Every structure is written in C-alpha cells, then in structure tokens.
Amino acid sequence: DRVEEGQTLCILEAMKLMNELEAEVTG
C-alpha cells in the first residue's frame, strides 16, 4: 500500500488508551 506522511498505520494500546501510530514518510 502507498501511504502518506501522517496517515494512520496501526493502533497501539497501552493501559486502555488507544494510540494511533502515523506514517513518518510518504512511500
């Protein structure tokens, strides 16, 4: 898949908090 910088890649859950991890580069 092609992703843009800032696009959500996944979610990381810690202590019931859902954290979106974003693409750092376009590619």
mmCIF file of all heavy atoms, coordinates in Angstrom:
data_MODEL
# 
_entry.id   MODEL 
# 
loop_
_atom_site.group_PDB 
_atom_site.id 
_atom_site.type_symbol 
_atom_site.label_atom_id 
_atom_site.label_alt_id 
_atom_site.label_comp_id 
_atom_site.label_asym_id 
_atom_site.label_entity_id 
_atom_site.label_seq_id 
_atom_site.pdbx_PDB_ins_code 
_atom_site.Cartn_x 
_atom_site.Cartn_y 
_atom_site.Cartn_z 
_atom_site.occupancy 
_atom_site.B_iso_or_equiv 
_atom_site.pdbx_formal_charge 
_atom_site.auth_seq_id 
_atom_site.auth_comp_id 
_atom_site.auth_asym_id 
_atom_site.auth_atom_id 
_atom_site.pdbx_PDB_model_num 
ATOM 1   N N   . ASP A 1 1  ? 0.830  -1.199 0.000  1.00 0.00 ? 1  ASP A N   1 
ATOM 2   C CA  . ASP A 1 1  ? 0.000  0.000  0.000  1.00 0.00 ? 1  ASP A CA  1 
ATOM 3   C C   . ASP A 1 1  ? 0.865  1.248  0.000  1.00 0.00 ? 1  ASP A C   1 
ATOM 4   O O   . ASP A 1 1  ? 1.931  1.296  0.615  1.00 0.00 ? 1  ASP A O   1 
ATOM 5   C CB  . ASP A 1 1  ? -0.901 0.051  1.236  1.00 0.00 ? 1  ASP A CB  1 
ATOM 6   C CG  . ASP A 1 1  ? -2.084 -0.895 1.163  1.00 0.00 ? 1  ASP A CG  1 
ATOM 7   O OD1 . ASP A 1 1  ? -2.264 -1.553 0.119  1.00 0.00 ? 1  ASP A OD1 1 
ATOM 8   O OD2 . ASP A 1 1  ? -2.827 -0.977 2.170  1.00 0.00 ? 1  ASP A OD2 1 
ATOM 9   N N   . ARG A 1 2  ? 0.371  2.263  -0.673 1.00 0.00 ? 2  ARG A N   1 
ATOM 10  C CA  . ARG A 1 2  ? 1.023  3.575  -0.656 1.00 0.00 ? 2  ARG A CA  1 
ATOM 11  C C   . ARG A 1 2  ? 0.465  4.343  0.540  1.00 0.00 ? 2  ARG A C   1 
ATOM 12  O O   . ARG A 1 2  ? -0.742 4.375  0.762  1.00 0.00 ? 2  ARG A O   1 
ATOM 13  C CB  . ARG A 1 2  ? 0.714  4.310  -1.946 1.00 0.00 ? 2  ARG A CB  1 
ATOM 14  C CG  . ARG A 1 2  ? 1.306  5.683  -1.993 1.00 0.00 ? 2  ARG A CG  1 
ATOM 15  C CD  . ARG A 1 2  ? 1.236  6.278  -3.403 1.00 0.00 ? 2  ARG A CD  1 
ATOM 16  N NE  . ARG A 1 2  ? 1.763  7.608  -3.406 1.00 0.00 ? 2  ARG A NE  1 
ATOM 17  C CZ  . ARG A 1 2  ? 3.030  7.919  -3.181 1.00 0.00 ? 2  ARG A CZ  1 
ATOM 18  N NH1 . ARG A 1 2  ? 3.899  6.960  -2.957 1.00 0.00 ? 2  ARG A NH1 1 
ATOM 19  N NH2 . ARG A 1 2  ? 3.445  9.159  -3.181 1.00 0.00 ? 2  ARG A NH2 1 
ATOM 20  N N   . VAL A 1 3  ? 1.357  4.961  1.325  1.00 0.00 ? 3  VAL A N   1 
ATOM 21  C CA  . VAL A 1 3  ? 0.933  5.737  2.485  1.00 0.00 ? 3  VAL A CA  1 
ATOM 22  C C   . VAL A 1 3  ? 1.469  7.158  2.374  1.00 0.00 ? 3  VAL A C   1 
ATOM 23  O O   . VAL A 1 3  ? 2.504  7.398  1.756  1.00 0.00 ? 3  VAL A O   1 
ATOM 24  C CB  . VAL A 1 3  ? 1.409  5.101  3.819  1.00 0.00 ? 3  VAL A CB  1 
ATOM 25  C CG1 . VAL A 1 3  ? 0.738  3.757  4.049  1.00 0.00 ? 3  VAL A CG1 1 
ATOM 26  C CG2 . VAL A 1 3  ? 2.911  4.958  3.876  1.00 0.00 ? 3  VAL A CG2 1 
ATOM 27  N N   . GLU A 1 4  ? 0.736  8.076  2.955  1.00 0.00 ? 4  GLU A N   1 
ATOM 28  C CA  . GLU A 1 4  ? 1.140  9.475  3.009  1.00 0.00 ? 4  GLU A CA  1 
ATOM 29  C C   . GLU A 1 4  ? 1.632  9.782  4.418  1.00 0.00 ? 4  GLU A C   1 
ATOM 30  O O   . GLU A 1 4  ? 1.160  9.173  5.384  1.00 0.00 ? 4  GLU A O   1 
ATOM 31  C CB  . GLU A 1 4  ? -0.053 10.389 2.696  1.00 0.00 ? 4  GLU A CB  1 
ATOM 32  C CG  . GLU A 1 4  ? -0.638 10.197 1.315  1.00 0.00 ? 4  GLU A CG  1 
ATOM 33  C CD  . GLU A 1 4  ? 0.290  10.654 0.202  1.00 0.00 ? 4  GLU A CD  1 
ATOM 34  O OE1 . GLU A 1 4  ? 1.016  11.648 0.396  1.00 0.00 ? 4  GLU A OE1 1 
ATOM 35  O OE2 . GLU A 1 4  ? 0.294  10.011 -0.859 1.00 0.00 ? 4  GLU A OE2 1 
ATOM 36  N N   . GLU A 1 5  ? 2.550  10.702 4.535  1.00 0.00 ? 5  GLU A N   1 
ATOM 37  C CA  . GLU A 1 5  ? 3.024  11.115 5.850  1.00 0.00 ? 5  GLU A CA  1 
ATOM 38  C C   . GLU A 1 5  ? 1.830  11.576 6.674  1.00 0.00 ? 5  GLU A C   1 
ATOM 39  O O   . GLU A 1 5  ? 0.983  12.332 6.195  1.00 0.00 ? 5  GLU A O   1 
ATOM 40  C CB  . GLU A 1 5  ? 4.035  12.257 5.712  1.00 0.00 ? 5  GLU A CB  1 
ATOM 41  C CG  . GLU A 1 5  ? 4.635  12.683 7.027  1.00 0.00 ? 5  GLU A CG  1 
ATOM 42  C CD  . GLU A 1 5  ? 5.709  13.745 6.869  1.00 0.00 ? 5  GLU A CD  1 
ATOM 43  O OE1 . GLU A 1 5  ? 6.202  13.942 5.741  1.00 0.00 ? 5  GLU A OE1 1 
ATOM 44  O OE2 . GLU A 1 5  ? 6.037  14.365 7.874  1.00 0.00 ? 5  GLU A OE2 1 
ATOM 45  N N   . GLY A 1 6  ? 1.722  11.072 7.913  1.00 0.00 ? 6  GLY A N   1 
ATOM 46  C CA  . GLY A 1 6  ? 0.613  11.418 8.792  1.00 0.00 ? 6  GLY A CA  1 
ATOM 47  C C   . GLY A 1 6  ? -0.552 10.451 8.721  1.00 0.00 ? 6  GLY A C   1 
ATOM 48  O O   . GLY A 1 6  ? -1.470 10.524 9.538  1.00 0.00 ? 6  GLY A O   1 
ATOM 49  N N   . GLN A 1 7  ? -0.540 9.541  7.757  1.00 0.00 ? 7  GLN A N   1 
ATOM 50  C CA  . GLN A 1 7  ? -1.609 8.546  7.630  1.00 0.00 ? 7  GLN A CA  1 
ATOM 51  C C   . GLN A 1 7  ? -1.487 7.512  8.744  1.00 0.00 ? 7  GLN A C   1 
ATOM 52  O O   . GLN A 1 7  ? -0.400 7.072  9.093  1.00 0.00 ? 7  GLN A O   1 
ATOM 53  C CB  . GLN A 1 7  ? -1.510 7.860  6.267  1.00 0.00 ? 7  GLN A CB  1 
ATOM 54  C CG  . GLN A 1 7  ? -2.560 6.785  6.034  1.00 0.00 ? 7  GLN A CG  1 
ATOM 55  C CD  . GLN A 1 7  ? -2.408 6.151  4.653  1.00 0.00 ? 7  GLN A CD  1 
ATOM 56  O OE1 . GLN A 1 7  ? -1.853 6.746  3.733  1.00 0.00 ? 7  GLN A OE1 1 
ATOM 57  N NE2 . GLN A 1 7  ? -2.897 4.941  4.517  1.00 0.00 ? 7  GLN A NE2 1 
ATOM 58  N N   . THR A 1 8  ? -2.620 7.086  9.309  1.00 0.00 ? 8  THR A N   1 
ATOM 59  C CA  . THR A 1 8  ? -2.613 6.092  10.383 1.00 0.00 ? 8  THR A CA  1 
ATOM 60  C C   . THR A 1 8  ? -2.190 4.734  9.845  1.00 0.00 ? 8  THR A C   1 
ATOM 61  O O   . THR A 1 8  ? -2.717 4.268  8.834  1.00 0.00 ? 8  THR A O   1 
ATOM 62  C CB  . THR A 1 8  ? -4.001 5.985  11.036 1.00 0.00 ? 8  THR A CB  1 
ATOM 63  O OG1 . THR A 1 8  ? -4.366 7.267  11.556 1.00 0.00 ? 8  THR A OG1 1 
ATOM 64  C CG2 . THR A 1 8  ? -4.014 4.959  12.155 1.00 0.00 ? 8  THR A CG2 1 
ATOM 65  N N   . LEU A 1 9  ? -1.232 4.102  10.535 1.00 0.00 ? 9  LEU A N   1 
ATOM 66  C CA  . LEU A 1 9  ? -0.733 2.777  10.158 1.00 0.00 ? 9  LEU A CA  1 
ATOM 67  C C   . LEU A 1 9  ? -1.305 1.679  11.039 1.00 0.00 ? 9  LEU A C   1 
ATOM 68  O O   . LEU A 1 9  ? -1.538 0.563  10.579 1.00 0.00 ? 9  LEU A O   1 
ATOM 69  C CB  . LEU A 1 9  ? 0.792  2.741  10.258 1.00 0.00 ? 9  LEU A CB  1 
ATOM 70  C CG  . LEU A 1 9  ? 1.560  3.712  9.373  1.00 0.00 ? 9  LEU A CG  1 
ATOM 71  C CD1 . LEU A 1 9  ? 3.045  3.651  9.690  1.00 0.00 ? 9  LEU A CD1 1 
ATOM 72  C CD2 . LEU A 1 9  ? 1.303  3.409  7.913  1.00 0.00 ? 9  LEU A CD2 1 
ATOM 73  N N   . CYS A 1 10 ? -1.492 1.988  12.329 1.00 0.00 ? 10 CYS A N   1 
ATOM 74  C CA  . CYS A 1 10 ? -1.969 0.982  13.279 1.00 0.00 ? 10 CYS A CA  1 
ATOM 75  C C   . CYS A 1 10 ? -2.395 1.690  14.549 1.00 0.00 ? 10 CYS A C   1 
ATOM 76  O O   . CYS A 1 10 ? -2.293 2.906  14.663 1.00 0.00 ? 10 CYS A O   1 
ATOM 77  C CB  . CYS A 1 10 ? -0.863 -0.025 13.598 1.00 0.00 ? 10 CYS A CB  1 
ATOM 78  S SG  . CYS A 1 10 ? 0.532  0.687  14.515 1.00 0.00 ? 10 CYS A SG  1 
ATOM 79  N N   . ILE A 1 11 ? -2.850 0.886  15.502 1.00 0.00 ? 11 ILE A N   1 
ATOM 80  C CA  . ILE A 1 11 ? -3.169 1.387  16.833 1.00 0.00 ? 11 ILE A CA  1 
ATOM 81  C C   . ILE A 1 11 ? -2.293 0.643  17.823 1.00 0.00 ? 11 ILE A C   1 
ATOM 82  O O   . ILE A 1 11 ? -2.100 -0.571 17.708 1.00 0.00 ? 11 ILE A O   1 
ATOM 83  C CB  . ILE A 1 11 ? -4.660 1.171  17.177 1.00 0.00 ? 11 ILE A CB  1 
ATOM 84  C CG1 . ILE A 1 11 ? -5.527 2.078  16.304 1.00 0.00 ? 11 ILE A CG1 1 
ATOM 85  C CG2 . ILE A 1 11 ? -4.923 1.423  18.660 1.00 0.00 ? 11 ILE A CG2 1 
ATOM 86  C CD1 . ILE A 1 11 ? -7.005 1.907  16.522 1.00 0.00 ? 11 ILE A CD1 1 
ATOM 87  N N   . LEU A 1 12 ? -1.767 1.375  18.790 1.00 0.00 ? 12 LEU A N   1 
ATOM 88  C CA  . LEU A 1 12 ? -1.026 0.783  19.890 1.00 0.00 ? 12 LEU A CA  1 
ATOM 89  C C   . LEU A 1 12 ? -1.831 1.048  21.150 1.00 0.00 ? 12 LEU A C   1 
ATOM 90  O O   . LEU A 1 12 ? -2.122 2.196  21.477 1.00 0.00 ? 12 LEU A O   1 
ATOM 91  C CB  . LEU A 1 12 ? 0.370  1.394  20.003 1.00 0.00 ? 12 LEU A CB  1 
ATOM 92  C CG  . LEU A 1 12 ? 1.267  1.158  18.795 1.00 0.00 ? 12 LEU A CG  1 
ATOM 93  C CD1 . LEU A 1 12 ? 2.546  1.975  18.918 1.00 0.00 ? 12 LEU A CD1 1 
ATOM 94  C CD2 . LEU A 1 12 ? 1.593  -0.309 18.646 1.00 0.00 ? 12 LEU A CD2 1 
ATOM 95  N N   . GLU A 1 13 ? -2.200 -0.043 21.833 1.00 0.00 ? 13 GLU A N   1 
ATOM 96  C CA  . GLU A 1 13 ? -2.986 0.098  23.056 1.00 0.00 ? 13 GLU A CA  1 
ATOM 97  C C   . GLU A 1 13 ? -2.081 -0.058 24.261 1.00 0.00 ? 13 GLU A C   1 
ATOM 98  O O   . GLU A 1 13 ? -1.282 -0.986 24.340 1.00 0.00 ? 13 GLU A O   1 
ATOM 99  C CB  . GLU A 1 13 ? -4.082 -0.967 23.120 1.00 0.00 ? 13 GLU A CB  1 
ATOM 100 C CG  . GLU A 1 13 ? -4.862 -0.909 24.417 1.00 0.00 ? 13 GLU A CG  1 
ATOM 101 C CD  . GLU A 1 13 ? -5.780 -2.097 24.622 1.00 0.00 ? 13 GLU A CD  1 
ATOM 102 O OE1 . GLU A 1 13 ? -5.734 -3.054 23.845 1.00 0.00 ? 13 GLU A OE1 1 
ATOM 103 O OE2 . GLU A 1 13 ? -6.530 -2.057 25.599 1.00 0.00 ? 13 GLU A OE2 1 
ATOM 104 N N   . ALA A 1 14 ? -2.228 0.846  25.207 1.00 0.00 ? 14 ALA A N   1 
ATOM 105 C CA  . ALA A 1 14 ? -1.492 0.761  26.467 1.00 0.00 ? 14 ALA A CA  1 
ATOM 106 C C   . ALA A 1 14 ? -2.400 1.259  27.578 1.00 0.00 ? 14 ALA A C   1 
ATOM 107 O O   . ALA A 1 14 ? -2.917 2.376  27.501 1.00 0.00 ? 14 ALA A O   1 
ATOM 108 C CB  . ALA A 1 14 ? -0.224 1.591  26.406 1.00 0.00 ? 14 ALA A CB  1 
ATOM 109 N N   . MET A 1 15 ? -2.613 0.423  28.547 1.00 0.00 ? 15 MET A N   1 
ATOM 110 C CA  . MET A 1 15 ? -3.431 0.780  29.700 1.00 0.00 ? 15 MET A CA  1 
ATOM 111 C C   . MET A 1 15 ? -4.792 1.332  29.278 1.00 0.00 ? 15 MET A C   1 
ATOM 112 O O   . MET A 1 15 ? -5.235 2.370  29.750 1.00 0.00 ? 15 MET A O   1 
ATOM 113 C CB  . MET A 1 15 ? -2.676 1.764  30.584 1.00 0.00 ? 15 MET A CB  1 
ATOM 114 C CG  . MET A 1 15 ? -1.424 1.164  31.187 1.00 0.00 ? 15 MET A CG  1 
ATOM 115 S SD  . MET A 1 15 ? -0.514 2.279  32.246 1.00 0.00 ? 15 MET A SD  1 
ATOM 116 C CE  . MET A 1 15 ? -1.688 2.492  33.573 1.00 0.00 ? 15 MET A CE  1 
ATOM 117 N N   . LYS A 1 16 ? -5.436 0.654  28.361 1.00 0.00 ? 16 LYS A N   1 
ATOM 118 C CA  . LYS A 1 16 ? -6.770 1.001  27.868 1.00 0.00 ? 16 LYS A CA  1 
ATOM 119 C C   . LYS A 1 16 ? -6.820 2.296  27.058 1.00 0.00 ? 16 LYS A C   1 
ATOM 120 O O   . LYS A 1 16 ? -7.884 2.790  26.748 1.00 0.00 ? 16 LYS A O   1 
ATOM 121 C CB  . LYS A 1 16 ? -7.778 1.084  29.021 1.00 0.00 ? 16 LYS A CB  1 
ATOM 122 C CG  . LYS A 1 16 ? -7.821 -0.122 29.904 1.00 0.00 ? 16 LYS A CG  1 
ATOM 123 C CD  . LYS A 1 16 ? -8.660 -1.210 29.318 1.00 0.00 ? 16 LYS A CD  1 
ATOM 124 C CE  . LYS A 1 16 ? -8.838 -2.330 30.322 1.00 0.00 ? 16 LYS A CE  1 
ATOM 125 N NZ  . LYS A 1 16 ? -8.452 -3.603 29.867 1.00 0.00 ? 16 LYS A NZ  1 
ATOM 126 N N   . LEU A 1 17 ? -5.661 2.842  26.703 1.00 0.00 ? 17 LEU A N   1 
ATOM 127 C CA  . LEU A 1 17 ? -5.609 4.013  25.828 1.00 0.00 ? 17 LEU A CA  1 
ATOM 128 C C   . LEU A 1 17 ? -5.228 3.551  24.431 1.00 0.00 ? 17 LEU A C   1 
ATOM 129 O O   . LEU A 1 17 ? -4.261 2.825  24.256 1.00 0.00 ? 17 LEU A O   1 
ATOM 130 C CB  . LEU A 1 17 ? -4.577 5.026  26.323 1.00 0.00 ? 17 LEU A CB  1 
ATOM 131 C CG  . LEU A 1 17 ? -4.888 5.721  27.639 1.00 0.00 ? 17 LEU A CG  1 
ATOM 132 C CD1 . LEU A 1 17 ? -3.714 6.596  28.055 1.00 0.00 ? 17 LEU A CD1 1 
ATOM 133 C CD2 . LEU A 1 17 ? -6.145 6.559  27.533 1.00 0.00 ? 17 LEU A CD2 1 
ATOM 134 N N   . MET A 1 18 ? -6.000 3.974  23.449 1.00 0.00 ? 18 MET A N   1 
ATOM 135 C CA  . MET A 1 18 ? -5.741 3.624  22.062 1.00 0.00 ? 18 MET A CA  1 
ATOM 136 C C   . MET A 1 18 ? -4.978 4.763  21.395 1.00 0.00 ? 18 MET A C   1 
ATOM 137 O O   . MET A 1 18 ? -5.448 5.897  21.360 1.00 0.00 ? 18 MET A O   1 
ATOM 138 C CB  . MET A 1 18 ? -7.043 3.373  21.304 1.00 0.00 ? 18 MET A CB  1 
ATOM 139 C CG  . MET A 1 18 ? -7.893 2.292  21.914 1.00 0.00 ? 18 MET A CG  1 
ATOM 140 S SD  . MET A 1 18 ? -7.038 0.718  21.885 1.00 0.00 ? 18 MET A SD  1 
ATOM 141 C CE  . MET A 1 18 ? -8.289 -0.335 22.548 1.00 0.00 ? 18 MET A CE  1 
ATOM 142 N N   . ASN A 1 19 ? -3.786 4.463  20.889 1.00 0.00 ? 19 ASN A N   1 
ATOM 143 C CA  . ASN A 1 19 ? -2.898 5.469  20.322 1.00 0.00 ? 19 ASN A CA  1 
ATOM 144 C C   . ASN A 1 19 ? -2.657 5.171  18.852 1.00 0.00 ? 19 ASN A C   1 
ATOM 145 O O   . ASN A 1 19 ? -2.164 4.098  18.515 1.00 0.00 ? 19 ASN A O   1 
ATOM 146 C CB  . ASN A 1 19 ? -1.560 5.451  21.064 1.00 0.00 ? 19 ASN A CB  1 
ATOM 147 C CG  . ASN A 1 19 ? -1.748 5.640  22.555 1.00 0.00 ? 19 ASN A CG  1 
ATOM 148 O OD1 . ASN A 1 19 ? -1.953 6.743  22.991 1.00 0.00 ? 19 ASN A OD1 1 
ATOM 149 N ND2 . ASN A 1 19 ? -1.703 4.566  23.319 1.00 0.00 ? 19 ASN A ND2 1 
ATOM 150 N N   . GLU A 1 20 ? -3.019 6.112  17.982 1.00 0.00 ? 20 GLU A N   1 
ATOM 151 C CA  . GLU A 1 20 ? -2.772 5.926  16.557 1.00 0.00 ? 20 GLU A CA  1 
ATOM 152 C C   . GLU A 1 20 ? -1.298 6.174  16.262 1.00 0.00 ? 20 GLU A C   1 
ATOM 153 O O   . GLU A 1 20 ? -0.726 7.154  16.734 1.00 0.00 ? 20 GLU A O   1 
ATOM 154 C CB  . GLU A 1 20 ? -3.617 6.892  15.736 1.00 0.00 ? 20 GLU A CB  1 
ATOM 155 C CG  . GLU A 1 20 ? -5.088 6.581  15.777 1.00 0.00 ? 20 GLU A CG  1 
ATOM 156 C CD  . GLU A 1 20 ? -5.901 7.506  14.903 1.00 0.00 ? 20 GLU A CD  1 
ATOM 157 O OE1 . GLU A 1 20 ? -5.383 8.562  14.468 1.00 0.00 ? 20 GLU A OE1 1 
ATOM 158 O OE2 . GLU A 1 20 ? -7.064 7.175  14.645 1.00 0.00 ? 20 GLU A OE2 1 
ATOM 159 N N   . LEU A 1 21 ? -0.689 5.293  15.483 1.00 0.00 ? 21 LEU A N   1 
ATOM 160 C CA  . LEU A 1 21 ? 0.684  5.485  15.026 1.00 0.00 ? 21 LEU A CA  1 
ATOM 161 C C   . LEU A 1 21 ? 0.598  5.916  13.572 1.00 0.00 ? 21 LEU A C   1 
ATOM 162 O O   . LEU A 1 21 ? -0.020 5.239  12.747 1.00 0.00 ? 21 LEU A O   1 
ATOM 163 C CB  . LEU A 1 21 ? 1.500  4.202  15.159 1.00 0.00 ? 21 LEU A CB  1 
ATOM 164 C CG  . LEU A 1 21 ? 2.954  4.310  14.710 1.00 0.00 ? 21 LEU A CG  1 
ATOM 165 C CD1 . LEU A 1 21 ? 3.730  5.242  15.636 1.00 0.00 ? 21 LEU A CD1 1 
ATOM 166 C CD2 . LEU A 1 21 ? 3.602  2.945  14.680 1.00 0.00 ? 21 LEU A CD2 1 
ATOM 167 N N   . GLU A 1 22 ? 1.222  7.048  13.263 1.00 0.00 ? 22 GLU A N   1 
ATOM 168 C CA  . GLU A 1 22 ? 1.135  7.619  11.923 1.00 0.00 ? 22 GLU A CA  1 
ATOM 169 C C   . GLU A 1 22 ? 2.409  7.405  11.132 1.00 0.00 ? 22 GLU A C   1 
ATOM 170 O O   . GLU A 1 22 ? 3.497  7.302  11.702 1.00 0.00 ? 22 GLU A O   1 
ATOM 171 C CB  . GLU A 1 22 ? 0.833  9.119  12.030 1.00 0.00 ? 22 GLU A CB  1 
ATOM 172 C CG  . GLU A 1 22 ? -0.492 9.408  12.702 1.00 0.00 ? 22 GLU A CG  1 
ATOM 173 C CD  . GLU A 1 22 ? -0.737 10.886 12.889 1.00 0.00 ? 22 GLU A CD  1 
ATOM 174 O OE1 . GLU A 1 22 ? 0.200  11.690 12.693 1.00 0.00 ? 22 GLU A OE1 1 
ATOM 175 O OE2 . GLU A 1 22 ? -1.875 11.238 13.226 1.00 0.00 ? 22 GLU A OE2 1 
ATOM 176 N N   . ALA A 1 23 ? 2.264  7.371  9.814  1.00 0.00 ? 23 ALA A N   1 
ATOM 177 C CA  . ALA A 1 23 ? 3.414  7.240  8.919  1.00 0.00 ? 23 ALA A CA  1 
ATOM 178 C C   . ALA A 1 23 ? 4.295  8.471  9.049  1.00 0.00 ? 23 ALA A C   1 
ATOM 179 O O   . ALA A 1 23 ? 3.809  9.592  9.100  1.00 0.00 ? 23 ALA A O   1 
ATOM 180 C CB  . ALA A 1 23 ? 2.948  7.078  7.475  1.00 0.00 ? 23 ALA A CB  1 
ATOM 181 N N   . GLU A 1 24 ? 5.587  8.229  9.117  1.00 0.00 ? 24 GLU A N   1 
ATOM 182 C CA  . GLU A 1 24 ? 6.557  9.317  9.247  1.00 0.00 ? 24 GLU A CA  1 
ATOM 183 C C   . GLU A 1 24 ? 7.025  9.820  7.887  1.00 0.00 ? 24 GLU A C   1 
ATOM 184 O O   . GLU A 1 24 ? 7.609  10.898 7.805  1.00 0.00 ? 24 GLU A O   1 
ATOM 185 C CB  . GLU A 1 24 ? 7.754  8.827  10.058 1.00 0.00 ? 24 GLU A CB  1 
ATOM 186 C CG  . GLU A 1 24 ? 7.360  8.365  11.445 1.00 0.00 ? 24 GLU A CG  1 
ATOM 187 C CD  . GLU A 1 24 ? 8.420  7.508  12.122 1.00 0.00 ? 24 GLU A CD  1 
ATOM 188 O OE1 . GLU A 1 24 ? 9.442  7.171  11.477 1.00 0.00 ? 24 GLU A OE1 1 
ATOM 189 O OE2 . GLU A 1 24 ? 8.214  7.168  13.293 1.00 0.00 ? 24 GLU A OE2 1 
ATOM 190 N N   . VAL A 1 25 ? 6.787  9.032  6.842  1.00 0.00 ? 25 VAL A N   1 
ATOM 191 C CA  . VAL A 1 25 ? 7.205  9.378  5.488  1.00 0.00 ? 25 VAL A CA  1 
ATOM 192 C C   . VAL A 1 25 ? 6.121  8.986  4.495  1.00 0.00 ? 25 VAL A C   1 
ATOM 193 O O   . VAL A 1 25 ? 5.266  8.161  4.795  1.00 0.00 ? 25 VAL A O   1 
ATOM 194 C CB  . VAL A 1 25 ? 8.523  8.662  5.088  1.00 0.00 ? 25 VAL A CB  1 
ATOM 195 C CG1 . VAL A 1 25 ? 9.679  9.104  5.955  1.00 0.00 ? 25 VAL A CG1 1 
ATOM 196 C CG2 . VAL A 1 25 ? 8.367  7.163  5.133  1.00 0.00 ? 25 VAL A CG2 1 
ATOM 197 N N   . THR A 1 26 ? 6.186  9.565  3.304  1.00 0.00 ? 26 THR A N   1 
ATOM 198 C CA  . THR A 1 26 ? 5.310  9.163  2.214  1.00 0.00 ? 26 THR A CA  1 
ATOM 199 C C   . THR A 1 26 ? 6.049  8.106  1.402  1.00 0.00 ? 26 THR A C   1 
ATOM 200 O O   . THR A 1 26 ? 7.233  8.263  1.096  1.00 0.00 ? 26 THR A O   1 
ATOM 201 C CB  . THR A 1 26 ? 4.971  10.369 1.322  1.00 0.00 ? 26 THR A CB  1 
ATOM 202 O OG1 . THR A 1 26 ? 4.264  11.328 2.117  1.00 0.00 ? 26 THR A OG1 1 
ATOM 203 C CG2 . THR A 1 26 ? 4.130  9.963  0.130  1.00 0.00 ? 26 THR A CG2 1 
ATOM 204 N N   . GLY A 1 27 ? 5.370  7.008  1.100  1.00 0.00 ? 27 GLY A N   1 
ATOM 205 C CA  . GLY A 1 27 ? 6.009  5.944  0.344  1.00 0.00 ? 27 GLY A CA  1 
ATOM 206 C C   . GLY A 1 27 ? 5.153  4.697  0.298  1.00 0.00 ? 27 GLY A C   1 
ATOM 207 O O   . GLY A 1 27 ? 3.936  4.755  0.455  1.00 0.00 ? 27 GLY A O   1 
# 
